[in-house]
C-alpha atoms as a PDB file:
ATOM      1  CA  UNK A   1      -0.001  -0.006   0.015  1.00  0.00           C
ATOM      2  CA  UNK A   2       1.191   3.434  -0.971  1.00  0.00           C
ATOM      3  CA  UNK A   3       1.655   5.898   1.746  1.00  0.00           C
ATOM      4  CA  UNK A   4      -0.157   9.323   1.127  1.00  0.00           C
ATOM      5  CA  UNK A   5       2.866  11.349   2.135  1.00  0.00           C
ATOM      6  CA  UNK A   6       4.952   9.638  -0.493  1.00  0.00           C
ATOM      7  CA  UNK A   7       2.231  10.404  -3.118  1.00  0.00           C
ATOM      8  CA  UNK A   8       2.029  13.992  -1.974  1.00  0.00           C
ATOM      9  CA  UNK A   9       5.872  14.270  -2.395  1.00  0.00           C
ATOM     10  CA  UNK A  10       5.738  12.634  -5.889  1.00  0.00           C
ATOM     11  CA  UNK A  11       2.936  14.984  -6.984  1.00  0.00           C
ATOM     12  CA  UNK A  12       4.827  18.097  -5.723  1.00  0.00           C
ATOM     13  CA  UNK A  13       8.046  16.899  -7.381  1.00  0.00           C
ATOM     14  CA  UNK A  14       6.176  16.259 -10.567  1.00  0.00           C
ATOM     15  CA  UNK A  15       4.608  19.741 -10.611  1.00  0.00           C
ATOM     16  CA  UNK A  16       8.014  21.327  -9.927  1.00  0.00           C
ATOM     17  CA  UNK A  17       9.533  19.304 -12.841  1.00  0.00           C
ATOM     18  CA  UNK A  18       6.737  20.102 -15.211  1.00  0.00           C
ATOM     19  CA  UNK A  19       7.327  23.881 -14.805  1.00  0.00           C
ATOM     20  CA  UNK A  20      11.102  23.259 -14.946  1.00  0.00           C
ATOM     21  CA  UNK A  21      10.449  21.458 -18.279  1.00  0.00           C
ATOM     22  CA  UNK A  22       8.355  24.494 -19.546  1.00  0.00           C
ATOM     23  CA  UNK A  23      11.299  26.796 -18.702  1.00  0.00           C
ATOM     24  CA  UNK A  24      13.875  24.553 -20.565  1.00  0.00           C
ATOM     25  CA  UNK A  25      11.511  24.216 -23.526  1.00  0.00           C
ATOM     26  CA  UNK A  26      11.141  20.503 -23.166  1.00  0.00           C
ATOM     27  CA  UNK A  27       7.558  19.906 -24.297  1.00  0.00           C
ATOM     28  CA  UNK A  28       8.004  16.145 -24.091  1.00  0.00           C
ATOM     29  CA  UNK A  29       8.891  16.264 -20.469  1.00  0.00           C
ATOM     30  CA  UNK A  30       6.179  18.760 -19.700  1.00  0.00           C
ATOM     31  CA  UNK A  31       3.609  16.659 -21.409  1.00  0.00           C
ATOM     32  CA  UNK A  32       4.658  13.490 -19.700  1.00  0.00           C
ATOM     33  CA  UNK A  33       2.785  14.831 -16.573  1.00  0.00           C
ATOM     34  CA  UNK A  34      -0.557  15.356 -18.635  1.00  0.00           C
ATOM     35  CA  UNK A  35      -3.184  12.596 -19.223  1.00  0.00           C
ATOM     36  CA  UNK A  36      -4.030  12.217 -22.948  1.00  0.00           C
ATOM     37  CA  UNK A  37      -7.522  13.434 -22.219  1.00  0.00           C
ATOM     38  CA  UNK A  38      -6.565  16.374 -19.965  1.00  0.00           C
ATOM     39  CA  UNK A  39      -8.924  19.333 -19.883  1.00  0.00           C
ATOM     40  CA  UNK A  40      -7.220  22.749 -19.671  1.00  0.00           C
ATOM     41  CA  UNK A  41      -9.236  25.674 -18.505  1.00  0.00           C
ATOM     42  CA  UNK A  42      -7.054  28.888 -18.186  1.00  0.00           C
ATOM     43  CA  UNK A  43      -8.377  32.543 -18.128  1.00  0.00           C
ATOM     44  CA  UNK A  44      -5.831  33.546 -20.826  1.00  0.00           C
ATOM     45  CA  UNK A  45      -6.272  30.660 -23.102  1.00  0.00           C
ATOM     46  CA  UNK A  46      -9.089  30.060 -25.731  1.00  0.00           C
ATOM     47  CA  UNK A  47     -11.366  27.403 -24.709  1.00  0.00           C
ATOM     48  CA  UNK A  48     -11.781  25.449 -22.518  1.00  0.00           C
ATOM     49  CA  UNK A  49      -9.306  23.099 -24.216  1.00  0.00           C
ATOM     50  CA  UNK A  50     -10.945  19.600 -23.737  1.00  0.00           C
ATOM     51  CA  UNK A  51      -8.165  17.255 -24.938  1.00  0.00           C
ATOM     52  CA  UNK A  52      -4.343  17.174 -25.221  1.00  0.00           C
ATOM     53  CA  UNK A  53      -4.997  17.384 -29.077  1.00  0.00           C
ATOM     54  CA  UNK A  54      -6.650  20.826 -28.579  1.00  0.00           C
ATOM     55  CA  UNK A  55      -3.939  21.965 -26.244  1.00  0.00           C
ATOM     56  CA  UNK A  56      -1.253  20.876 -28.681  1.00  0.00           C
ATOM     57  CA  UNK A  57      -3.052  22.807 -31.491  1.00  0.00           C
ATOM     58  CA  UNK A  58      -3.156  25.862 -29.540  1.00  0.00           C
ATOM     59  CA  UNK A  59       0.581  25.589 -28.430  1.00  0.00           C
ATOM     60  CA  UNK A  60       1.610  24.854 -32.009  1.00  0.00           C
ATOM     61  CA  UNK A  61      -0.102  28.052 -33.218  1.00  0.00           C
ATOM     62  CA  UNK A  62       1.138  30.182 -30.328  1.00  0.00           C
ATOM     63  CA  UNK A  63       4.718  28.950 -30.914  1.00  0.00           C
ATOM     64  CA  UNK A  64       4.739  29.298 -34.473  1.00  0.00           C
ATOM     65  CA  UNK A  65       3.589  33.071 -34.086  1.00  0.00           C
ATOM     66  CA  UNK A  66       6.504  33.509 -31.737  1.00  0.00           C
ATOM     67  CA  UNK A  67       4.247  34.059 -28.649  1.00  0.00           C
ATOM     68  CA  UNK A  68       5.700  31.283 -26.330  1.00  0.00           C
ATOM     69  CA  UNK A  69       6.146  33.010 -22.993  1.00  0.00           C
ATOM     70  CA  UNK A  70       9.719  33.902 -22.114  1.00  0.00           C
ATOM     71  CA  UNK A  71      10.092  33.898 -18.410  1.00  0.00           C
ATOM     72  CA  UNK A  72      12.794  34.551 -15.810  1.00  0.00           C
ATOM     73  CA  UNK A  73      10.889  32.480 -13.285  1.00  0.00           C
ATOM     74  CA  UNK A  74       8.108  30.021 -13.182  1.00  0.00           C
ATOM     75  CA  UNK A  75       7.268  28.284  -9.906  1.00  0.00           C
ATOM     76  CA  UNK A  76       4.465  26.754  -8.026  1.00  0.00           C
ATOM     77  CA  UNK A  77       4.159  28.246  -4.495  1.00  0.00           C
ATOM     78  CA  UNK A  78       1.934  27.634  -1.568  1.00  0.00           C
ATOM     79  CA  UNK A  79       1.437  24.127  -2.703  1.00  0.00           C
ATOM     80  CA  UNK A  80      -1.209  21.956  -1.093  1.00  0.00           C
ATOM     81  CA  UNK A  81      -1.852  18.386  -2.184  1.00  0.00           C
ATOM     82  CA  UNK A  82      -4.603  16.033  -0.991  1.00  0.00           C
ATOM     83  CA  UNK A  83      -4.612  12.320  -2.049  1.00  0.00           C
ATOM     84  CA  UNK A  84      -7.573  10.063  -1.956  1.00  0.00           C
ATOM     85  CA  UNK A  85      -6.584   6.619  -3.169  1.00  0.00           C
ATOM     86  CA  UNK A  86      -5.925   7.079  -6.994  1.00  0.00           C
ATOM     87  CA  UNK A  87      -7.187  10.577  -7.111  1.00  0.00           C
ATOM     88  CA  UNK A  88      -5.593  13.790  -5.973  1.00  0.00           C
ATOM     89  CA  UNK A  89      -5.983  17.611  -5.995  1.00  0.00           C
ATOM     90  CA  UNK A  90      -3.103  20.024  -6.040  1.00  0.00           C
ATOM     91  CA  UNK A  91      -3.707  23.741  -5.368  1.00  0.00           C
ATOM     92  CA  UNK A  92      -1.038  26.348  -5.653  1.00  0.00           C
ATOM     93  CA  UNK A  93      -0.146  29.868  -6.848  1.00  0.00           C
ATOM     94  CA  UNK A  94       1.856  29.782 -10.080  1.00  0.00           C
ATOM     95  CA  UNK A  95       4.283  32.667  -9.972  1.00  0.00           C
ATOM     96  CA  UNK A  96       5.586  33.823 -13.413  1.00  0.00           C
ATOM     97  CA  UNK A  97       8.060  36.593 -13.970  1.00  0.00           C
ATOM     98  CA  UNK A  98       8.191  37.603 -17.573  1.00  0.00           C
ATOM     99  CA  UNK A  99      11.622  38.093 -18.966  1.00  0.00           C
ATOM    100  CA  UNK A 100      13.115  41.356 -17.842  1.00  0.00           C
ATOM    101  CA  UNK A 101      10.013  42.373 -15.859  1.00  0.00           C
ATOM    102  CA  UNK A 102      10.201  43.641 -12.314  1.00  0.00           C
ATOM    103  CA  UNK A 103       6.896  42.231 -11.200  1.00  0.00           C
ATOM    104  CA  UNK A 104       5.510  38.707 -11.093  1.00  0.00           C
ATOM    105  CA  UNK A 105       2.234  37.488 -12.533  1.00  0.00           C
ATOM    106  CA  UNK A 106       0.294  35.177 -10.241  1.00  0.00           C
ATOM    107  CA  UNK A 107      -2.227  32.601 -11.255  1.00  0.00           C
ATOM    108  CA  UNK A 108      -4.392  30.331  -8.891  1.00  0.00           C
ATOM    109  CA  UNK A 109      -4.213  26.823 -10.141  1.00  0.00           C
ATOM    110  CA  UNK A 110      -6.038  23.631  -9.307  1.00  0.00           C
ATOM    111  CA  UNK A 111      -4.815  20.465 -10.790  1.00  0.00           C
ATOM    112  CA  UNK A 112      -6.840  17.137 -10.508  1.00  0.00           C
ATOM    113  CA  UNK A 113      -4.606  14.154 -10.870  1.00  0.00           C
ATOM    114  CA  UNK A 114      -5.198  10.369 -11.338  1.00  0.00           C
ATOM    115  CA  UNK A 115      -2.803   7.501 -10.719  1.00  0.00           C
ATOM    116  CA  UNK A 116      -2.353   5.966 -14.153  1.00  0.00           C
ATOM    117  CA  UNK A 117       0.124   3.072 -14.695  1.00  0.00           C
ATOM    118  CA  UNK A 118       1.868   3.969 -11.507  1.00  0.00           C
ATOM    119  CA  UNK A 119       2.419   7.646 -12.410  1.00  0.00           C
ATOM    120  CA  UNK A 120       0.373  10.625 -11.231  1.00  0.00           C
ATOM    121  CA  UNK A 121      -1.177  12.460 -14.346  1.00  0.00           C
ATOM    122  CA  UNK A 122      -3.091  15.668 -14.552  1.00  0.00           C
ATOM    123  CA  UNK A 123      -6.533  15.075 -15.878  1.00  0.00           C
ATOM    124  CA  UNK A 124      -7.885  18.537 -15.317  1.00  0.00           C
ATOM    125  CA  UNK A 125      -6.010  21.826 -14.997  1.00  0.00           C
ATOM    126  CA  UNK A 126      -7.968  24.973 -13.960  1.00  0.00           C
ATOM    127  CA  UNK A 127      -6.024  28.312 -13.708  1.00  0.00           C
ATOM    128  CA  UNK A 128      -7.220  31.703 -13.021  1.00  0.00           C
ATOM    129  CA  UNK A 129      -4.981  34.830 -13.270  1.00  0.00           C
ATOM    130  CA  UNK A 130      -4.911  36.945 -10.205  1.00  0.00           C
ATOM    131  CA  UNK A 131      -5.405  40.609 -11.165  1.00  0.00           C
ATOM    132  CA  UNK A 132      -3.152  43.150  -9.521  1.00  0.00           C
END
């Protein structure tokens, strides 16, 4: 039987690595934390995006237009994780500092995760930008 604290630590490490992958431009590593049927609801994205395919199409268009965010910092802060058997919820504030900016943007995030094949994958990502 898995211990909830070890699952919490795995989820926290996965979220940190996912955002590290974004900063490194490593889309494959970033996507390894997403379920193929992930829904993505973010205030700054068109949508909701109801599948990875829709998310991929959005990112391909954004990146081809040269609009991929360039950030000096991207980190999940104030992370709280609850685990219930094979389901978990992670809530945190995502802090993003645009390249060369003095002020950070903050986004409230809730990720719902499921244990799938021994890994925790995000099945729903909901993010709302915090206005200054």
